[in-house]
Amino acid sequence: MTYQVRRAGRADWERLRELRLAALRDPVAHLAFFEPYEEAVRLGRQEWEGRASDSERTILVGEAEDGTWVGMVGVHGLVDHVEVVGVYIHPEHRGTGVAGQLMRTAIDEAGGREVRLRVHQHNARAARFYEKLGFRPTGASAPDPRDPGLVAYELVYRRP
């Protein structure tokens, strides 16, 4: 299967909502999101339109040949680096290459700046994936706001 990576826009708010809610319900992927499902499901159209068209954060989506959204990556550009947030791939499309396409596009969006992200201590599969792409630990970590006994480790990608 082939995938297209593109930016989400305001008109995509319903599809973004559907994909985000799927991520928050996913038994593994929800670790990457600090937003509880119960809060996200209550958001209205305006909030979702705002998320889909936020000028400070780009949401890249992976779209299958049939138009189905199968994954997403948020790219938040800062002055000296880019932060990748909200990475999610629908379970049926994990291992197909779409995650790599999304992340390579996110890296390209950085325009040569460092790319940073955090990976939850219980998400070893994601950590291995990021390391294969060239991300390396920085040594920094942050507590999980839902459970301060757990942490998310920061990884960084620097262009060779």
Protein backbone atom coordinates (compact mmCIF):
# COMPACT_ATOMS: atom_id res chain seq x y z
CA MET A 1 0.00 0.00 0.00
CA THR A 2 1.18 3.52 -0.71
CA TYR A 3 0.54 6.58 1.39
CA GLN A 4 0.50 10.29 0.82
CA VAL A 5 1.63 12.69 3.54
CA ARG A 6 -0.04 16.07 3.64
CA ARG A 7 -0.89 18.90 6.00
CA ALA A 8 -4.24 18.97 7.75
CA GLY A 9 -6.32 22.11 7.32
CA ARG A 10 -9.38 23.70 8.89
CA ALA A 11 -11.77 21.76 6.64
CA ASP A 12 -10.24 18.49 7.93
CA TRP A 13 -11.38 19.02 11.51
CA GLU A 14 -13.78 16.03 11.59
CA ARG A 15 -11.18 13.62 10.27
CA LEU A 16 -8.60 15.00 12.69
CA ARG A 17 -11.05 14.56 15.57
CA GLU A 18 -11.74 10.97 14.55
CA LEU A 19 -8.03 10.08 14.31
CA ARG A 20 -7.12 11.83 17.57
CA LEU A 21 -9.92 10.11 19.48
CA ALA A 22 -8.77 6.76 18.07
CA ALA A 23 -5.26 7.52 19.35
CA LEU A 24 -6.55 8.40 22.80
CA ARG A 25 -8.48 5.10 22.96
CA ASP A 26 -5.55 3.01 21.70
CA PRO A 27 -4.15 0.77 24.48
CA VAL A 28 -0.52 1.65 23.62
CA ALA A 29 -0.59 4.93 21.71
CA HIS A 30 -2.51 6.83 24.39
CA LEU A 31 0.79 6.96 26.35
CA ALA A 32 2.04 9.56 23.86
CA PHE A 33 -0.81 11.93 24.63
CA PHE A 34 -1.29 13.83 27.86
CA GLU A 35 -4.85 14.78 26.91
CA PRO A 36 -7.48 12.44 28.36
CA TYR A 37 -10.03 10.98 25.96
CA GLU A 38 -12.84 12.31 28.16
CA GLU A 39 -11.66 15.89 27.60
CA ALA A 40 -11.02 15.56 23.87
CA VAL A 41 -14.39 14.01 23.13
CA ARG A 42 -16.12 17.06 24.65
CA LEU A 43 -14.36 19.58 22.39
CA GLY A 44 -16.56 21.34 19.85
CA ARG A 45 -16.15 22.11 16.19
CA GLN A 46 -14.34 25.43 16.78
CA GLU A 47 -11.68 23.80 18.94
CA TRP A 48 -11.10 21.05 16.37
CA GLU A 49 -10.98 23.54 13.50
CA GLY A 50 -8.41 25.52 15.49
CA ARG A 51 -6.28 22.45 16.06
CA ALA A 52 -6.45 21.52 12.38
CA SER A 53 -5.32 24.97 11.26
CA ASP A 54 -3.08 26.14 14.13
CA SER A 55 -0.47 28.57 12.78
CA GLU A 56 2.06 27.46 15.41
CA ARG A 57 1.75 23.71 14.87
CA THR A 58 1.46 21.77 11.64
CA ILE A 59 -0.35 18.48 11.71
CA LEU A 60 0.90 16.08 9.08
CA VAL A 61 -1.37 13.19 8.19
CA GLY A 62 -0.73 9.92 6.41
CA GLU A 63 -3.47 9.15 3.94
CA ALA A 64 -4.02 5.73 2.37
CA GLU A 65 -4.89 5.24 -1.30
CA ASP A 66 -8.60 5.12 -0.43
CA GLY A 67 -8.39 8.50 1.36
CA THR A 68 -8.47 7.05 4.89
CA TRP A 69 -6.31 8.85 7.42
CA VAL A 70 -4.03 6.27 8.99
CA GLY A 71 -1.56 8.36 11.01
CA MET A 72 -0.52 11.78 12.17
CA VAL A 73 2.39 13.79 13.52
CA GLY A 74 2.29 17.25 15.06
CA VAL A 75 5.21 19.55 14.22
CA HIS A 76 5.71 22.56 16.47
CA GLY A 77 8.38 24.94 15.17
CA LEU A 78 10.39 26.86 17.73
CA VAL A 79 13.21 29.31 17.13
CA ASP A 80 16.15 26.91 17.41
CA HIS A 81 14.46 23.52 17.04
CA VAL A 82 11.28 21.68 16.13
CA GLU A 83 9.25 19.53 18.49
CA VAL A 84 7.36 16.52 17.22
CA VAL A 85 4.25 15.69 19.23
CA GLY A 86 1.15 13.52 18.94
CA VAL A 87 2.60 10.75 16.79
CA TYR A 88 0.00 8.11 16.04
CA ILE A 89 -0.35 5.31 13.50
CA HIS A 90 -3.59 3.33 13.29
CA PRO A 91 -2.86 -0.28 14.42
CA GLU A 92 -3.66 -1.83 11.02
CA HIS A 93 -1.03 0.38 9.37
CA ARG A 94 1.84 -0.06 11.83
CA GLY A 95 4.87 -1.59 10.19
CA THR A 96 3.85 -0.47 6.68
CA GLY A 97 6.26 2.44 6.32
CA VAL A 98 3.76 5.25 6.82
CA ALA A 99 5.32 6.18 10.18
CA GLY A 100 8.68 6.60 8.48
CA GLN A 101 7.14 8.77 5.78
CA LEU A 102 5.47 10.98 8.36
CA MET A 103 8.63 11.35 10.44
CA ARG A 104 10.86 12.05 7.42
CA THR A 105 8.41 14.76 6.38
CA ALA A 106 8.49 16.19 9.92
CA ILE A 107 12.30 16.20 9.80
CA ASP A 108 12.17 17.99 6.43
CA GLU A 109 9.74 20.55 7.94
CA ALA A 110 12.48 21.39 10.45
CA GLY A 111 14.59 22.89 7.68
CA GLY A 112 17.88 21.77 9.21
CA ARG A 113 16.98 22.60 12.82
CA GLU A 114 17.15 19.95 15.51
CA VAL A 115 14.06 17.78 15.89
CA ARG A 116 13.11 16.81 19.43
CA LEU A 117 10.44 14.53 20.80
CA ARG A 118 9.59 12.66 23.95
CA VAL A 119 8.89 8.97 24.22
CA HIS A 120 7.15 7.39 27.21
CA GLN A 121 9.22 4.91 29.21
CA HIS A 122 6.64 2.18 28.50
CA ASN A 123 6.68 2.68 24.73
CA ALA A 124 9.75 0.66 23.77
CA ARG A 125 8.49 0.03 20.22
CA ALA A 126 8.33 3.77 19.54
CA ALA A 127 11.78 4.31 21.10
CA ARG A 128 13.30 1.66 18.80
CA PHE A 129 11.58 3.22 15.77
CA TYR A 130 12.92 6.70 16.57
CA GLU A 131 16.43 5.36 17.17
CA LYS A 132 16.38 3.63 13.76
CA LEU A 133 15.58 7.03 12.22
CA GLY A 134 18.64 8.54 13.90
CA PHE A 135 17.15 10.04 17.06
CA ARG A 136 19.41 9.88 20.11
CA PRO A 137 18.70 10.38 23.83
CA THR A 138 19.53 13.82 25.22
CA GLY A 139 19.52 12.68 28.84
CA ALA A 140 16.56 14.93 29.62
CA SER A 141 13.24 13.57 30.83
CA ALA A 142 9.95 14.87 32.15
CA PRO A 143 7.40 13.29 34.47
CA ASP A 144 4.15 12.04 33.04
CA PRO A 145 1.54 14.55 34.29
CA ARG A 146 -0.93 11.69 34.78
CA ASP A 147 1.53 9.68 36.90
CA PRO A 148 4.63 11.53 38.18
CA GLY A 149 6.29 8.16 38.91
CA LEU A 150 6.58 7.61 35.14
CA VAL A 151 8.70 9.60 32.70
CA ALA A 152 9.00 10.51 29.05
CA TYR A 153 12.54 10.65 27.68
CA GLU A 154 13.67 13.32 25.24
CA LEU A 155 15.25 12.24 21.96
CA VAL A 156 16.88 14.50 19.39
CA TYR A 157 17.61 14.24 15.68
CA ARG A 158 20.41 16.33 14.23
CA ARG A 159 21.06 16.34 10.52
CA PRO A 160 24.39 14.69 9.68
